[in-house]
mmCIF file of all heavy atoms, coordinates in Angstrom:
data_MODEL
# 
_entry.id   MODEL 
# 
loop_
_atom_site.group_PDB 
_atom_site.id 
_atom_site.type_symbol 
_atom_site.label_atom_id 
_atom_site.label_alt_id 
_atom_site.label_comp_id 
_atom_site.label_asym_id 
_atom_site.label_entity_id 
_atom_site.label_seq_id 
_atom_site.pdbx_PDB_ins_code 
_atom_site.Cartn_x 
_atom_site.Cartn_y 
_atom_site.Cartn_z 
_atom_site.occupancy 
_atom_site.B_iso_or_equiv 
_atom_site.pdbx_formal_charge 
_atom_site.auth_seq_id 
_atom_site.auth_comp_id 
_atom_site.auth_asym_id 
_atom_site.auth_atom_id 
_atom_site.pdbx_PDB_model_num 
ATOM 1   N N   . LEU A 1 1  ? -4.157  -16.832 -14.484 1.00 0.00 ? 1  LEU A N   1 
ATOM 2   C CA  . LEU A 1 1  ? -5.087  -17.825 -14.972 1.00 0.00 ? 1  LEU A CA  1 
ATOM 3   C C   . LEU A 1 1  ? -4.477  -19.260 -14.889 1.00 0.00 ? 1  LEU A C   1 
ATOM 4   O O   . LEU A 1 1  ? -3.223  -19.474 -14.936 1.00 0.00 ? 1  LEU A O   1 
ATOM 5   C CB  . LEU A 1 1  ? -5.529  -17.532 -16.457 1.00 0.00 ? 1  LEU A CB  1 
ATOM 6   C CG  . LEU A 1 1  ? -6.249  -16.280 -16.748 1.00 0.00 ? 1  LEU A CG  1 
ATOM 7   C CD1 . LEU A 1 1  ? -6.706  -16.170 -18.097 1.00 0.00 ? 1  LEU A CD1 1 
ATOM 8   C CD2 . LEU A 1 1  ? -7.568  -16.245 -15.843 1.00 0.00 ? 1  LEU A CD2 1 
ATOM 9   N N   . GLN A 1 2  ? -5.313  -20.207 -14.783 1.00 0.00 ? 2  GLN A N   1 
ATOM 10  C CA  . GLN A 1 2  ? -4.855  -21.588 -14.524 1.00 0.00 ? 2  GLN A CA  1 
ATOM 11  C C   . GLN A 1 2  ? -5.211  -22.374 -15.810 1.00 0.00 ? 2  GLN A C   1 
ATOM 12  O O   . GLN A 1 2  ? -5.986  -21.863 -16.784 1.00 0.00 ? 2  GLN A O   1 
ATOM 13  C CB  . GLN A 1 2  ? -5.714  -22.294 -13.479 1.00 0.00 ? 2  GLN A CB  1 
ATOM 14  C CG  . GLN A 1 2  ? -5.178  -21.564 -12.158 1.00 0.00 ? 2  GLN A CG  1 
ATOM 15  C CD  . GLN A 1 2  ? -6.061  -22.262 -10.949 1.00 0.00 ? 2  GLN A CD  1 
ATOM 16  O OE1 . GLN A 1 2  ? -7.282  -22.238 -11.130 1.00 0.00 ? 2  GLN A OE1 1 
ATOM 17  N NE2 . GLN A 1 2  ? -5.297  -22.548 -9.886  1.00 0.00 ? 2  GLN A NE2 1 
ATOM 18  N N   . ARG A 1 3  ? -4.716  -23.508 -16.088 1.00 0.00 ? 3  ARG A N   1 
ATOM 19  C CA  . ARG A 1 3  ? -4.997  -24.455 -17.141 1.00 0.00 ? 3  ARG A CA  1 
ATOM 20  C C   . ARG A 1 3  ? -4.324  -23.916 -18.579 1.00 0.00 ? 3  ARG A C   1 
ATOM 21  O O   . ARG A 1 3  ? -3.133  -23.868 -18.577 1.00 0.00 ? 3  ARG A O   1 
ATOM 22  C CB  . ARG A 1 3  ? -6.537  -24.710 -17.277 1.00 0.00 ? 3  ARG A CB  1 
ATOM 23  C CG  . ARG A 1 3  ? -7.034  -25.467 -16.164 1.00 0.00 ? 3  ARG A CG  1 
ATOM 24  C CD  . ARG A 1 3  ? -8.593  -25.800 -16.395 1.00 0.00 ? 3  ARG A CD  1 
ATOM 25  N NE  . ARG A 1 3  ? -9.182  -26.519 -15.230 1.00 0.00 ? 3  ARG A NE  1 
ATOM 26  C CZ  . ARG A 1 3  ? -10.366 -26.873 -15.262 1.00 0.00 ? 3  ARG A CZ  1 
ATOM 27  N NH1 . ARG A 1 3  ? -11.162 -26.683 -16.297 1.00 0.00 ? 3  ARG A NH1 1 
ATOM 28  N NH2 . ARG A 1 3  ? -10.853 -27.595 -14.023 1.00 0.00 ? 3  ARG A NH2 1 
ATOM 29  N N   . ASN A 1 4  ? -5.222  -23.449 -19.371 1.00 0.00 ? 4  ASN A N   1 
ATOM 30  C CA  . ASN A 1 4  ? -4.695  -23.410 -20.679 1.00 0.00 ? 4  ASN A CA  1 
ATOM 31  C C   . ASN A 1 4  ? -4.130  -21.925 -21.154 1.00 0.00 ? 4  ASN A C   1 
ATOM 32  O O   . ASN A 1 4  ? -3.795  -21.823 -22.338 1.00 0.00 ? 4  ASN A O   1 
ATOM 33  C CB  . ASN A 1 4  ? -5.821  -23.784 -21.821 1.00 0.00 ? 4  ASN A CB  1 
ATOM 34  C CG  . ASN A 1 4  ? -6.291  -25.213 -21.661 1.00 0.00 ? 4  ASN A CG  1 
ATOM 35  O OD1 . ASN A 1 4  ? -5.482  -26.016 -21.288 1.00 0.00 ? 4  ASN A OD1 1 
ATOM 36  N ND2 . ASN A 1 4  ? -7.618  -25.374 -21.693 1.00 0.00 ? 4  ASN A ND2 1 
ATOM 37  N N   . HIS A 1 5  ? -4.131  -20.993 -20.216 1.00 0.00 ? 5  HIS A N   1 
ATOM 38  C CA  . HIS A 1 5  ? -3.868  -19.658 -20.598 1.00 0.00 ? 5  HIS A CA  1 
ATOM 39  C C   . HIS A 1 5  ? -2.745  -19.162 -19.687 1.00 0.00 ? 5  HIS A C   1 
ATOM 40  O O   . HIS A 1 5  ? -2.771  -19.174 -18.464 1.00 0.00 ? 5  HIS A O   1 
ATOM 41  C CB  . HIS A 1 5  ? -4.975  -18.812 -20.630 1.00 0.00 ? 5  HIS A CB  1 
ATOM 42  C CG  . HIS A 1 5  ? -6.066  -19.057 -21.466 1.00 0.00 ? 5  HIS A CG  1 
ATOM 43  N ND1 . HIS A 1 5  ? -5.865  -18.812 -22.848 1.00 0.00 ? 5  HIS A ND1 1 
ATOM 44  C CD2 . HIS A 1 5  ? -7.223  -19.665 -21.303 1.00 0.00 ? 5  HIS A CD2 1 
ATOM 45  C CE1 . HIS A 1 5  ? -7.061  -19.369 -23.461 1.00 0.00 ? 5  HIS A CE1 1 
ATOM 46  N NE2 . HIS A 1 5  ? -7.811  -19.822 -22.576 1.00 0.00 ? 5  HIS A NE2 1 
ATOM 47  N N   . ASP A 1 6  ? -1.637  -18.578 -20.318 1.00 0.00 ? 6  ASP A N   1 
ATOM 48  C CA  . ASP A 1 6  ? -0.532  -17.967 -19.539 1.00 0.00 ? 6  ASP A CA  1 
ATOM 49  C C   . ASP A 1 6  ? -0.841  -16.557 -19.453 1.00 0.00 ? 6  ASP A C   1 
ATOM 50  O O   . ASP A 1 6  ? -0.378  -15.748 -20.227 1.00 0.00 ? 6  ASP A O   1 
ATOM 51  C CB  . ASP A 1 6  ? 0.861   -18.210 -20.200 1.00 0.00 ? 6  ASP A CB  1 
ATOM 52  C CG  . ASP A 1 6  ? 1.898   -17.565 -19.493 1.00 0.00 ? 6  ASP A CG  1 
ATOM 53  O OD1 . ASP A 1 6  ? 1.864   -17.284 -18.348 1.00 0.00 ? 6  ASP A OD1 1 
ATOM 54  O OD2 . ASP A 1 6  ? 2.935   -17.207 -20.132 1.00 0.00 ? 6  ASP A OD2 1 
ATOM 55  N N   . CYS A 1 7  ? -1.762  -16.086 -18.556 1.00 0.00 ? 7  CYS A N   1 
ATOM 56  C CA  . CYS A 1 7  ? -2.240  -14.706 -18.464 1.00 0.00 ? 7  CYS A CA  1 
ATOM 57  C C   . CYS A 1 7  ? -2.347  -14.306 -16.855 1.00 0.00 ? 7  CYS A C   1 
ATOM 58  O O   . CYS A 1 7  ? -2.629  -15.129 -16.084 1.00 0.00 ? 7  CYS A O   1 
ATOM 59  C CB  . CYS A 1 7  ? -3.655  -14.633 -19.096 1.00 0.00 ? 7  CYS A CB  1 
ATOM 60  S SG  . CYS A 1 7  ? -4.555  -13.051 -18.847 1.00 0.00 ? 7  CYS A SG  1 
ATOM 61  N N   . SER A 1 8  ? -1.945  -13.108 -16.703 1.00 0.00 ? 8  SER A N   1 
ATOM 62  C CA  . SER A 1 8  ? -1.914  -12.607 -15.380 1.00 0.00 ? 8  SER A CA  1 
ATOM 63  C C   . SER A 1 8  ? -2.478  -11.161 -15.471 1.00 0.00 ? 8  SER A C   1 
ATOM 64  O O   . SER A 1 8  ? -2.441  -10.372 -16.375 1.00 0.00 ? 8  SER A O   1 
ATOM 65  C CB  . SER A 1 8  ? -0.492  -12.552 -14.823 1.00 0.00 ? 8  SER A CB  1 
ATOM 66  O OG  . SER A 1 8  ? 0.035   -13.747 -14.690 1.00 0.00 ? 8  SER A OG  1 
ATOM 67  N N   . ILE A 1 9  ? -3.137  -10.786 -14.250 1.00 0.00 ? 9  ILE A N   1 
ATOM 68  C CA  . ILE A 1 9  ? -3.905  -9.489  -14.115 1.00 0.00 ? 9  ILE A CA  1 
ATOM 69  C C   . ILE A 1 9  ? -3.360  -8.934  -12.829 1.00 0.00 ? 9  ILE A C   1 
ATOM 70  O O   . ILE A 1 9  ? -3.566  -9.633  -11.774 1.00 0.00 ? 9  ILE A O   1 
ATOM 71  C CB  . ILE A 1 9  ? -5.392  -9.534  -14.331 1.00 0.00 ? 9  ILE A CB  1 
ATOM 72  C CG1 . ILE A 1 9  ? -5.966  -8.196  -14.160 1.00 0.00 ? 9  ILE A CG1 1 
ATOM 73  C CG2 . ILE A 1 9  ? -5.952  -10.651 -13.520 1.00 0.00 ? 9  ILE A CG2 1 
ATOM 74  C CD1 . ILE A 1 9  ? -7.475  -8.267  -14.619 1.00 0.00 ? 9  ILE A CD1 1 
ATOM 75  N N   . LEU A 1 10 ? -3.025  -7.589  -12.720 1.00 0.00 ? 10 LEU A N   1 
ATOM 76  C CA  . LEU A 1 10 ? -2.629  -6.938  -11.599 1.00 0.00 ? 10 LEU A CA  1 
ATOM 77  C C   . LEU A 1 10 ? -3.378  -5.787  -11.204 1.00 0.00 ? 10 LEU A C   1 
ATOM 78  O O   . LEU A 1 10 ? -3.760  -4.975  -12.122 1.00 0.00 ? 10 LEU A O   1 
ATOM 79  C CB  . LEU A 1 10 ? -1.176  -6.457  -11.764 1.00 0.00 ? 10 LEU A CB  1 
ATOM 80  C CG  . LEU A 1 10 ? 0.055   -7.641  -11.912 1.00 0.00 ? 10 LEU A CG  1 
ATOM 81  C CD1 . LEU A 1 10 ? -0.030  -8.309  -13.259 1.00 0.00 ? 10 LEU A CD1 1 
ATOM 82  C CD2 . LEU A 1 10 ? 1.339   -6.923  -11.758 1.00 0.00 ? 10 LEU A CD2 1 
ATOM 83  N N   . LEU A 1 11 ? -3.504  -5.506  -9.994  1.00 0.00 ? 11 LEU A N   1 
ATOM 84  C CA  . LEU A 1 11 ? -4.190  -4.201  -9.580  1.00 0.00 ? 11 LEU A CA  1 
ATOM 85  C C   . LEU A 1 11 ? -3.073  -3.491  -8.636  1.00 0.00 ? 11 LEU A C   1 
ATOM 86  O O   . LEU A 1 11 ? -2.589  -4.108  -7.776  1.00 0.00 ? 11 LEU A O   1 
ATOM 87  C CB  . LEU A 1 11 ? -5.398  -4.460  -8.689  1.00 0.00 ? 11 LEU A CB  1 
ATOM 88  C CG  . LEU A 1 11 ? -5.970  -3.230  -8.053  1.00 0.00 ? 11 LEU A CG  1 
ATOM 89  C CD1 . LEU A 1 11 ? -6.511  -2.218  -9.075  1.00 0.00 ? 11 LEU A CD1 1 
ATOM 90  C CD2 . LEU A 1 11 ? -7.198  -3.590  -7.068  1.00 0.00 ? 11 LEU A CD2 1 
ATOM 91  N N   . VAL A 1 12 ? -2.729  -2.225  -9.089  1.00 0.00 ? 12 VAL A N   1 
ATOM 92  C CA  . VAL A 1 12 ? -1.517  -1.641  -8.630  1.00 0.00 ? 12 VAL A CA  1 
ATOM 93  C C   . VAL A 1 12 ? -1.907  -0.292  -7.982  1.00 0.00 ? 12 VAL A C   1 
ATOM 94  O O   . VAL A 1 12 ? -2.736  0.504   -8.568  1.00 0.00 ? 12 VAL A O   1 
ATOM 95  C CB  . VAL A 1 12 ? -0.499  -1.337  -9.731  1.00 0.00 ? 12 VAL A CB  1 
ATOM 96  C CG1 . VAL A 1 12 ? 0.718   -0.660  -9.307  1.00 0.00 ? 12 VAL A CG1 1 
ATOM 97  C CG2 . VAL A 1 12 ? -0.104  -2.697  -10.474 1.00 0.00 ? 12 VAL A CG2 1 
ATOM 98  N N   . PHE A 1 13 ? -1.399  0.028   -6.847  1.00 0.00 ? 13 PHE A N   1 
ATOM 99  C CA  . PHE A 1 13 ? -1.452  1.285   -6.108  1.00 0.00 ? 13 PHE A CA  1 
ATOM 100 C C   . PHE A 1 13 ? -0.079  1.654   -5.639  1.00 0.00 ? 13 PHE A C   1 
ATOM 101 O O   . PHE A 1 13 ? 0.627   0.865   -5.162  1.00 0.00 ? 13 PHE A O   1 
ATOM 102 C CB  . PHE A 1 13 ? -2.415  1.259   -5.056  1.00 0.00 ? 13 PHE A CB  1 
ATOM 103 C CG  . PHE A 1 13 ? -3.838  1.001   -5.212  1.00 0.00 ? 13 PHE A CG  1 
ATOM 104 C CD1 . PHE A 1 13 ? -4.283  -0.383  -5.108  1.00 0.00 ? 13 PHE A CD1 1 
ATOM 105 C CD2 . PHE A 1 13 ? -4.892  1.898   -5.698  1.00 0.00 ? 13 PHE A CD2 1 
ATOM 106 C CE1 . PHE A 1 13 ? -5.773  -0.659  -5.328  1.00 0.00 ? 13 PHE A CE1 1 
ATOM 107 C CE2 . PHE A 1 13 ? -6.010  1.516   -5.945  1.00 0.00 ? 13 PHE A CE2 1 
ATOM 108 C CZ  . PHE A 1 13 ? -6.563  0.202   -5.735  1.00 0.00 ? 13 PHE A CZ  1 
ATOM 109 N N   . ASP A 1 14 ? 0.181   3.065   -5.598  1.00 0.00 ? 14 ASP A N   1 
ATOM 110 C CA  . ASP A 1 14 ? 1.258   3.383   -4.856  1.00 0.00 ? 14 ASP A CA  1 
ATOM 111 C C   . ASP A 1 14 ? 0.843   3.416   -3.381  1.00 0.00 ? 14 ASP A C   1 
ATOM 112 O O   . ASP A 1 14 ? -0.355  3.213   -3.047  1.00 0.00 ? 14 ASP A O   1 
ATOM 113 C CB  . ASP A 1 14 ? 1.884   4.872   -5.210  1.00 0.00 ? 14 ASP A CB  1 
ATOM 114 C CG  . ASP A 1 14 ? 0.883   6.037   -5.047  1.00 0.00 ? 14 ASP A CG  1 
ATOM 115 O OD1 . ASP A 1 14 ? 0.338   5.920   -4.022  1.00 0.00 ? 14 ASP A OD1 1 
ATOM 116 O OD2 . ASP A 1 14 ? 0.949   6.930   -5.844  1.00 0.00 ? 14 ASP A OD2 1 
ATOM 117 N N   . ARG A 1 15 ? 1.831   3.375   -2.460  1.00 0.00 ? 15 ARG A N   1 
ATOM 118 C CA  . ARG A 1 15 ? 1.475   3.218   -1.048  1.00 0.00 ? 15 ARG A CA  1 
ATOM 119 C C   . ARG A 1 15 ? 0.506   4.200   -0.540  1.00 0.00 ? 15 ARG A C   1 
ATOM 120 O O   . ARG A 1 15 ? -0.435  3.808   0.199   1.00 0.00 ? 15 ARG A O   1 
ATOM 121 C CB  . ARG A 1 15 ? 2.731   3.057   -0.292  1.00 0.00 ? 15 ARG A CB  1 
ATOM 122 C CG  . ARG A 1 15 ? 2.572   2.629   1.160   1.00 0.00 ? 15 ARG A CG  1 
ATOM 123 C CD  . ARG A 1 15 ? 1.990   1.199   1.236   1.00 0.00 ? 15 ARG A CD  1 
ATOM 124 N NE  . ARG A 1 15 ? 1.780   0.666   2.444   1.00 0.00 ? 15 ARG A NE  1 
ATOM 125 C CZ  . ARG A 1 15 ? 2.465   0.006   3.291   1.00 0.00 ? 15 ARG A CZ  1 
ATOM 126 N NH1 . ARG A 1 15 ? 3.722   -0.306  2.754   1.00 0.00 ? 15 ARG A NH1 1 
ATOM 127 N NH2 . ARG A 1 15 ? 2.044   -0.453  4.398   1.00 0.00 ? 15 ARG A NH2 1 
ATOM 128 N N   . GLU A 1 16 ? 0.715   5.309   -0.938  1.00 0.00 ? 16 GLU A N   1 
ATOM 129 C CA  . GLU A 1 16 ? -0.408  6.498   -0.408  1.00 0.00 ? 16 GLU A CA  1 
ATOM 130 C C   . GLU A 1 16 ? -1.688  6.247   -0.910  1.00 0.00 ? 16 GLU A C   1 
ATOM 131 O O   . GLU A 1 16 ? -2.776  6.315   -0.058  1.00 0.00 ? 16 GLU A O   1 
ATOM 132 C CB  . GLU A 1 16 ? 0.173   7.834   -0.918  1.00 0.00 ? 16 GLU A CB  1 
ATOM 133 C CG  . GLU A 1 16 ? -0.719  9.066   -0.295  1.00 0.00 ? 16 GLU A CG  1 
ATOM 134 C CD  . GLU A 1 16 ? -0.168  10.353  -0.738  1.00 0.00 ? 16 GLU A CD  1 
ATOM 135 O OE1 . GLU A 1 16 ? 1.076   10.451  -1.187  1.00 0.00 ? 16 GLU A OE1 1 
ATOM 136 O OE2 . GLU A 1 16 ? -0.876  11.355  -0.700  1.00 0.00 ? 16 GLU A OE2 1 
ATOM 137 N N   . GLU A 1 17 ? -1.907  5.917   -2.101  1.00 0.00 ? 17 GLU A N   1 
ATOM 138 C CA  . GLU A 1 17 ? -3.214  5.602   -2.709  1.00 0.00 ? 17 GLU A CA  1 
ATOM 139 C C   . GLU A 1 17 ? -3.801  4.391   -2.015  1.00 0.00 ? 17 GLU A C   1 
ATOM 140 O O   . GLU A 1 17 ? -5.062  4.291   -1.846  1.00 0.00 ? 17 GLU A O   1 
ATOM 141 C CB  . GLU A 1 17 ? -3.280  5.485   -4.266  1.00 0.00 ? 17 GLU A CB  1 
ATOM 142 C CG  . GLU A 1 17 ? -2.807  6.831   -4.790  1.00 0.00 ? 17 GLU A CG  1 
ATOM 143 C CD  . GLU A 1 17 ? -3.669  7.948   -4.611  1.00 0.00 ? 17 GLU A CD  1 
ATOM 144 O OE1 . GLU A 1 17 ? -4.855  7.886   -5.027  1.00 0.00 ? 17 GLU A OE1 1 
ATOM 145 O OE2 . GLU A 1 17 ? -3.293  8.845   -4.019  1.00 0.00 ? 17 GLU A OE2 1 
ATOM 146 N N   . ALA A 1 18 ? -3.141  3.303   -1.825  1.00 0.00 ? 18 ALA A N   1 
ATOM 147 C CA  . ALA A 1 18 ? -3.514  2.174   -1.182  1.00 0.00 ? 18 ALA A CA  1 
ATOM 148 C C   . ALA A 1 18 ? -3.976  2.373   0.225   1.00 0.00 ? 18 ALA A C   1 
ATOM 149 O O   . ALA A 1 18 ? -5.023  1.916   0.662   1.00 0.00 ? 18 ALA A O   1 
ATOM 150 C CB  . ALA A 1 18 ? -2.412  1.106   -1.190  1.00 0.00 ? 18 ALA A CB  1 
ATOM 151 N N   . ASP A 1 19 ? -3.253  3.241   0.835   1.00 0.00 ? 19 ASP A N   1 
ATOM 152 C CA  . ASP A 1 19 ? -3.662  3.666   2.300   1.00 0.00 ? 19 ASP A CA  1 
ATOM 153 C C   . ASP A 1 19 ? -5.039  4.374   2.294   1.00 0.00 ? 19 ASP A C   1 
ATOM 154 O O   . ASP A 1 19 ? -5.800  4.209   3.201   1.00 0.00 ? 19 ASP A O   1 
ATOM 155 C CB  . ASP A 1 19 ? -2.631  4.554   2.935   1.00 0.00 ? 19 ASP A CB  1 
ATOM 156 C CG  . ASP A 1 19 ? -1.522  3.691   3.334   1.00 0.00 ? 19 ASP A CG  1 
ATOM 157 O OD1 . ASP A 1 19 ? -1.466  2.431   3.400   1.00 0.00 ? 19 ASP A OD1 1 
ATOM 158 O OD2 . ASP A 1 19 ? -0.296  4.257   3.690   1.00 0.00 ? 19 ASP A OD2 1 
ATOM 159 N N   . LYS A 1 20 ? -5.254  5.223   1.327   1.00 0.00 ? 20 LYS A N   1 
ATOM 160 C CA  . LYS A 1 20 ? -6.468  5.785   1.095   1.00 0.00 ? 20 LYS A CA  1 
ATOM 161 C C   . LYS A 1 20 ? -7.719  4.874   0.961   1.00 0.00 ? 20 LYS A C   1 
ATOM 162 O O   . LYS A 1 20 ? -8.766  5.051   1.542   1.00 0.00 ? 20 LYS A O   1 
ATOM 163 C CB  . LYS A 1 20 ? -6.568  6.771   -0.062  1.00 0.00 ? 20 LYS A CB  1 
ATOM 164 C CG  . LYS A 1 20 ? -5.684  8.076   0.143   1.00 0.00 ? 20 LYS A CG  1 
ATOM 165 C CD  . LYS A 1 20 ? -5.837  8.897   -1.031  1.00 0.00 ? 20 LYS A CD  1 
ATOM 166 C CE  . LYS A 1 20 ? -4.939  10.145  -1.124  1.00 0.00 ? 20 LYS A CE  1 
ATOM 167 N NZ  . LYS A 1 20 ? -4.952  10.871  -2.392  1.00 0.00 ? 20 LYS A NZ  1 
ATOM 168 N N   . MET A 1 21 ? -7.528  3.882   0.091   1.00 0.00 ? 21 MET A N   1 
ATOM 169 C CA  . MET A 1 21 ? -8.432  2.873   -0.188  1.00 0.00 ? 21 MET A CA  1 
ATOM 170 C C   . MET A 1 21 ? -8.660  2.054   1.196   1.00 0.00 ? 21 MET A C   1 
ATOM 171 O O   . MET A 1 21 ? -9.875  1.723   1.449   1.00 0.00 ? 21 MET A O   1 
ATOM 172 C CB  . MET A 1 21 ? -8.111  1.974   -1.341  1.00 0.00 ? 21 MET A CB  1 
ATOM 173 C CG  . MET A 1 21 ? -8.947  0.861   -1.590  1.00 0.00 ? 21 MET A CG  1 
ATOM 174 S SD  . MET A 1 21 ? -10.663 1.582   -2.131  1.00 0.00 ? 21 MET A SD  1 
ATOM 175 C CE  . MET A 1 21 ? -10.317 1.981   -3.877  1.00 0.00 ? 21 MET A CE  1 
ATOM 176 N N   . LEU A 1 22 ? -7.756  1.676   1.824   1.00 0.00 ? 22 LEU A N   1 
ATOM 177 C CA  . LEU A 1 22 ? -7.770  0.919   3.060   1.00 0.00 ? 22 LEU A CA  1 
ATOM 178 C C   . LEU A 1 22 ? -8.604  1.804   4.067   1.00 0.00 ? 22 LEU A C   1 
ATOM 179 O O   . LEU A 1 22 ? -9.339  1.149   4.952   1.00 0.00 ? 22 LEU A O   1 
ATOM 180 C CB  . LEU A 1 22 ? -6.504  0.575   3.534   1.00 0.00 ? 22 LEU A CB  1 
ATOM 181 C CG  . LEU A 1 22 ? -5.870  -0.606  2.773   1.00 0.00 ? 22 LEU A CG  1 
ATOM 182 C CD1 . LEU A 1 22 ? -4.294  -0.843  3.308   1.00 0.00 ? 22 LEU A CD1 1 
ATOM 183 C CD2 . LEU A 1 22 ? -6.599  -1.975  2.922   1.00 0.00 ? 22 LEU A CD2 1 
ATOM 184 N N   . SER A 1 23 ? -8.349  2.976   4.128   1.00 0.00 ? 23 SER A N   1 
ATOM 185 C CA  . SER A 1 23 ? -9.115  3.843   5.191   1.00 0.00 ? 23 SER A CA  1 
ATOM 186 C C   . SER A 1 23 ? -10.492 3.915   4.857   1.00 0.00 ? 23 SER A C   1 
ATOM 187 O O   . SER A 1 23 ? -11.431 3.788   5.744   1.00 0.00 ? 23 SER A O   1 
ATOM 188 C CB  . SER A 1 23 ? -8.511  5.297   5.068   1.00 0.00 ? 23 SER A CB  1 
ATOM 189 O OG  . SER A 1 23 ? -9.198  6.183   5.885   1.00 0.00 ? 23 SER A OG  1 
ATOM 190 N N   . ILE A 1 24 ? -10.835 4.051   3.595   1.00 0.00 ? 24 ILE A N   1 
ATOM 191 C CA  . ILE A 1 24 ? -12.307 3.862   3.093   1.00 0.00 ? 24 ILE A CA  1 
ATOM 192 C C   . ILE A 1 24 ? -12.931 2.592   3.511   1.00 0.00 ? 24 ILE A C   1 
ATOM 193 O O   . ILE A 1 24 ? -14.094 2.345   4.109   1.00 0.00 ? 24 ILE A O   1 
ATOM 194 C CB  . ILE A 1 24 ? -12.502 4.067   1.647   1.00 0.00 ? 24 ILE A CB  1 
ATOM 195 C CG1 . ILE A 1 24 ? -12.211 5.626   1.393   1.00 0.00 ? 24 ILE A CG1 1 
ATOM 196 C CG2 . ILE A 1 24 ? -13.886 3.789   1.112   1.00 0.00 ? 24 ILE A CG2 1 
ATOM 197 C CD1 . ILE A 1 24 ? -12.168 6.000   -0.066  1.00 0.00 ? 24 ILE A CD1 1 
ATOM 198 N N   . MET A 1 25 ? -12.157 1.444   3.321   1.00 0.00 ? 25 MET A N   1 
ATOM 199 C CA  . MET A 1 25 ? -12.602 0.118   3.600   1.00 0.00 ? 25 MET A CA  1 
ATOM 200 C C   . MET A 1 25 ? -12.791 -0.120  5.145   1.00 0.00 ? 25 MET A C   1 
ATOM 201 O O   . MET A 1 25 ? -13.754 -0.651  5.618   1.00 0.00 ? 25 MET A O   1 
ATOM 202 C CB  . MET A 1 25 ? -11.739 -1.014  3.019   1.00 0.00 ? 25 MET A CB  1 
ATOM 203 C CG  . MET A 1 25 ? -11.797 -0.912  1.482   1.00 0.00 ? 25 MET A CG  1 
ATOM 204 S SD  . MET A 1 25 ? -10.701 -2.200  0.726   1.00 0.00 ? 25 MET A SD  1 
ATOM 205 C CE  . MET A 1 25 ? -11.732 -3.688  1.002   1.00 0.00 ? 25 MET A CE  1 
# 
């Protein structure tokens, strides 16, 4: 987040699961 909030959000996959998602895409 920018400006007034020190906040972060992450989307995490292990490599195998990320490859599955990329294959679908």
